[in-house]
Amino acid sequence: MPDQAKRVVRPFLSADELDCIVSKLAESITRDFRGKVSCEDPLLLVGVLKGAVVFLSDLARAVRLPVAFDFIAVSSYGASTSSSGIVRILKDLDESIEGRRVIIVEDIIDTGLTLRYLQNHLQERKPEELRICALLDKPDRRKVDVEVDYIGKEVPNKFLVGYGLDLNENYRSLPYLGIIGEKQQPKGG
């Protein structure tokens, strides 16, 4: 078992609480886009890989409008573990978004650097409308202002895992959100 998998995860938001948050976000999106989209021109949800996949899946089912989805993968890189603001696209969209109504679906907003880059990058592709929906927001970590249209819940500056969020690819499949704690100490002498 990898070393990081031995860490303690304290529950933070239950699966039921997450369902409630997603339902409220979906209600707002449905209300805002009713009459603006159709089966021929559905609302496009752009999931930011990999963390937003679980959230996007639940959100897409909860929105009471025709939706389509696509994915983009981005990476901030630098010498440290925190975002440098230098972003590269690892996987681009499969389709054009020109003239489309688009919502960027993000798992968590931290510094805002990557999301700002992504917002500017996609805006250059001339969508009819571009909005942002984030499940979680850590405003205490913000380095740049990003206008977010839909926020599920503001969270403390703790390392969260589960419901798509990971620590070195572990914990994504947890059905709840948890806070990573200290490593468990081995039993015995």
Protein backbone atom coordinates (compact mmCIF):
# COMPACT_ATOMS: atom_id res chain seq x y z
CA MET A 1 0.00 0.00 0.00
CA PRO A 2 1.47 3.41 -0.93
CA ASP A 3 2.65 5.51 2.01
CA GLN A 4 0.09 8.27 1.36
CA ALA A 5 -2.77 5.77 1.54
CA LYS A 6 -2.00 5.27 5.25
CA ARG A 7 -3.15 8.78 6.17
CA VAL A 8 -6.20 9.34 8.35
CA VAL A 9 -9.22 10.81 6.56
CA ARG A 10 -11.73 12.60 8.78
CA PRO A 11 -15.22 12.98 7.26
CA PHE A 12 -16.05 16.57 6.32
CA LEU A 13 -19.12 16.42 4.02
CA SER A 14 -21.28 13.31 3.78
CA ALA A 15 -22.64 11.87 0.54
CA ASP A 16 -26.09 13.23 1.51
CA GLU A 17 -24.67 16.72 2.08
CA LEU A 18 -22.93 16.58 -1.30
CA ASP A 19 -26.19 15.50 -2.96
CA CYS A 20 -27.93 18.51 -1.44
CA ILE A 21 -25.20 20.90 -2.66
CA VAL A 22 -25.31 19.46 -6.18
CA SER A 23 -29.12 19.68 -6.25
CA LYS A 24 -29.05 23.37 -5.29
CA LEU A 25 -26.42 24.14 -7.94
CA ALA A 26 -28.44 22.25 -10.55
CA GLU A 27 -31.60 24.18 -9.63
CA SER A 28 -29.78 27.50 -10.13
CA ILE A 29 -28.31 26.40 -13.46
CA THR A 30 -31.67 25.07 -14.66
CA ARG A 31 -33.36 28.35 -13.74
CA ASP A 32 -30.66 30.49 -15.41
CA PHE A 33 -30.57 28.54 -18.69
CA ARG A 34 -34.25 27.59 -19.10
CA GLY A 35 -35.36 28.69 -22.56
CA LYS A 36 -31.76 29.32 -23.70
CA VAL A 37 -30.79 25.73 -24.61
CA SER A 38 -32.42 22.88 -26.52
CA CYS A 39 -31.76 19.31 -27.58
CA GLU A 40 -30.22 20.69 -30.78
CA ASP A 41 -28.11 23.20 -28.83
CA PRO A 42 -27.57 21.80 -25.31
CA LEU A 43 -25.77 23.47 -22.44
CA LEU A 44 -22.13 22.38 -22.58
CA LEU A 45 -20.55 21.38 -19.27
CA VAL A 46 -16.76 21.43 -19.51
CA GLY A 47 -15.24 19.29 -16.78
CA VAL A 48 -11.73 20.04 -15.59
CA LEU A 49 -9.96 16.68 -15.36
CA LYS A 50 -9.57 14.69 -13.25
CA GLY A 51 -11.05 16.06 -10.05
CA ALA A 52 -14.35 17.34 -11.45
CA VAL A 53 -15.47 14.08 -13.09
CA VAL A 54 -17.60 12.79 -10.21
CA PHE A 55 -19.13 16.22 -9.57
CA LEU A 56 -19.82 16.79 -13.27
CA SER A 57 -21.56 13.41 -13.57
CA ASP A 58 -23.91 14.14 -10.69
CA LEU A 59 -24.48 17.73 -11.82
CA ALA A 60 -25.29 16.70 -15.41
CA ARG A 61 -27.96 14.28 -14.15
CA ALA A 62 -29.45 16.87 -11.80
CA VAL A 63 -29.74 19.76 -14.30
CA ARG A 64 -33.24 19.61 -15.80
CA LEU A 65 -32.17 20.74 -19.26
CA PRO A 66 -30.45 19.18 -22.26
CA VAL A 67 -26.72 19.04 -21.48
CA ALA A 68 -23.63 17.79 -23.23
CA PHE A 69 -20.18 17.56 -21.79
CA ASP A 70 -16.58 17.75 -22.79
CA PHE A 71 -13.35 17.69 -20.81
CA ILE A 72 -10.16 19.66 -20.55
CA ALA A 73 -7.06 18.82 -18.54
CA VAL A 74 -4.65 21.50 -17.40
CA SER A 75 -1.54 21.51 -15.28
CA SER A 76 0.20 24.20 -13.30
CA TYR A 77 3.83 23.45 -12.92
CA GLY A 78 6.86 24.82 -11.17
CA ALA A 79 9.43 23.84 -8.62
CA SER A 80 7.00 23.86 -5.70
CA THR A 81 3.85 21.93 -4.91
CA SER A 82 1.70 25.04 -5.22
CA SER A 83 0.38 26.48 -8.46
CA SER A 84 2.86 28.67 -10.25
CA GLY A 85 0.26 30.30 -12.48
CA ILE A 86 2.04 28.85 -15.50
CA VAL A 87 -0.51 26.57 -17.09
CA ARG A 88 -0.29 24.08 -19.88
CA ILE A 89 -3.13 22.18 -21.51
CA LEU A 90 -2.70 18.42 -21.26
CA LYS A 91 -6.00 17.55 -22.99
CA ASP A 92 -8.00 20.05 -25.00
CA LEU A 93 -11.70 20.10 -25.80
CA ASP A 94 -12.92 17.73 -28.49
CA GLU A 95 -15.42 20.21 -29.98
CA SER A 96 -15.64 23.88 -30.80
CA ILE A 97 -17.41 26.04 -28.22
CA GLU A 98 -17.95 28.99 -30.54
CA GLY A 99 -21.50 30.28 -30.14
CA ARG A 100 -22.27 27.76 -27.36
CA ARG A 101 -23.48 28.28 -23.81
CA VAL A 102 -20.71 26.80 -21.67
CA ILE A 103 -20.15 26.18 -17.97
CA ILE A 104 -16.67 25.30 -16.73
CA VAL A 105 -17.20 22.67 -14.01
CA GLU A 106 -14.43 22.65 -11.42
CA ASP A 107 -14.08 20.59 -8.25
CA ILE A 108 -12.39 23.21 -6.07
CA ILE A 109 -11.13 26.76 -6.46
CA ASP A 110 -7.89 27.32 -4.63
CA THR A 111 -5.50 30.07 -5.77
CA GLY A 112 -7.63 30.91 -8.81
CA LEU A 113 -4.56 31.02 -11.08
CA THR A 114 -5.42 27.96 -13.17
CA LEU A 115 -9.11 28.82 -13.36
CA ARG A 116 -8.39 32.37 -14.49
CA TYR A 117 -6.11 31.06 -17.24
CA LEU A 118 -8.73 28.53 -18.32
CA GLN A 119 -11.49 31.15 -18.32
CA ASN A 120 -9.43 33.52 -20.50
CA HIS A 121 -8.35 30.69 -22.79
CA LEU A 122 -11.91 29.48 -23.40
CA GLN A 123 -13.29 33.02 -23.75
CA GLU A 124 -10.96 33.48 -26.74
CA ARG A 125 -12.91 30.69 -28.47
CA LYS A 126 -15.99 32.94 -28.59
CA PRO A 127 -18.68 31.06 -26.69
CA GLU A 128 -22.10 32.72 -26.55
CA GLU A 129 -21.88 32.56 -22.78
CA LEU A 130 -19.19 31.28 -20.41
CA ARG A 131 -19.84 30.67 -16.73
CA ILE A 132 -18.06 28.84 -13.93
CA CYS A 133 -19.47 26.32 -11.46
CA ALA A 134 -17.33 25.05 -8.59
CA LEU A 135 -18.32 22.51 -6.01
CA LEU A 136 -15.95 23.97 -3.41
CA ASP A 137 -14.25 27.30 -2.83
CA LYS A 138 -11.21 28.04 -0.62
CA PRO A 139 -11.21 31.85 -0.56
CA ASP A 140 -8.37 31.96 2.01
CA ARG A 141 -6.01 30.56 -0.64
CA ARG A 142 -6.99 32.98 -3.42
CA LYS A 143 -4.14 34.76 -5.21
CA VAL A 144 -6.21 36.22 -8.07
CA ASP A 145 -9.85 37.23 -8.29
CA VAL A 146 -12.01 34.93 -10.37
CA GLU A 147 -15.71 35.57 -10.81
CA VAL A 148 -17.52 32.32 -10.14
CA ASP A 149 -21.19 32.08 -11.05
CA TYR A 150 -22.09 29.00 -9.01
CA ILE A 151 -20.36 27.93 -5.79
CA GLY A 152 -21.51 24.88 -3.87
CA LYS A 153 -19.76 25.47 -0.56
CA GLU A 154 -17.01 27.59 0.92
CA VAL A 155 -14.50 25.39 2.73
CA PRO A 156 -11.59 25.97 5.13
CA ASN A 157 -7.98 25.81 4.05
CA LYS A 158 -7.64 22.07 4.67
CA PHE A 159 -6.52 19.32 2.30
CA LEU A 160 -9.72 17.63 1.09
CA VAL A 161 -10.09 14.27 -0.62
CA GLY A 162 -12.91 12.13 -1.93
CA TYR A 163 -15.73 12.74 -4.40
CA GLY A 164 -13.12 13.11 -7.15
CA LEU A 165 -10.46 14.97 -5.16
CA ASP A 166 -7.24 13.09 -4.57
CA LEU A 167 -3.89 12.86 -2.88
CA ASN A 168 -1.47 11.34 -5.41
CA GLU A 169 -4.40 9.60 -7.16
CA ASN A 170 -5.69 8.06 -3.90
CA TYR A 171 -9.11 8.64 -2.30
CA ARG A 172 -10.94 9.86 -5.48
CA SER A 173 -13.58 7.16 -5.16
CA LEU A 174 -14.67 8.01 -1.62
CA PRO A 175 -18.41 8.86 -1.74
CA TYR A 176 -17.89 11.71 0.74
CA LEU A 177 -15.38 14.53 1.26
CA GLY A 178 -12.79 14.06 3.94
CA ILE A 179 -9.94 16.03 5.46
CA ILE A 180 -6.50 14.47 5.29
CA GLY A 181 -4.89 14.12 8.69
CA GLU A 182 -1.58 12.84 9.93
CA LYS A 183 -0.16 9.50 8.87
CA GLN A 184 -1.17 6.56 11.02
CA GLN A 185 1.61 5.33 13.22
CA PRO A 186 2.56 1.65 12.90
CA LYS A 187 1.23 -0.55 15.68
CA GLY A 188 3.64 -2.18 18.03
CA GLY A 189 7.14 -1.33 19.27
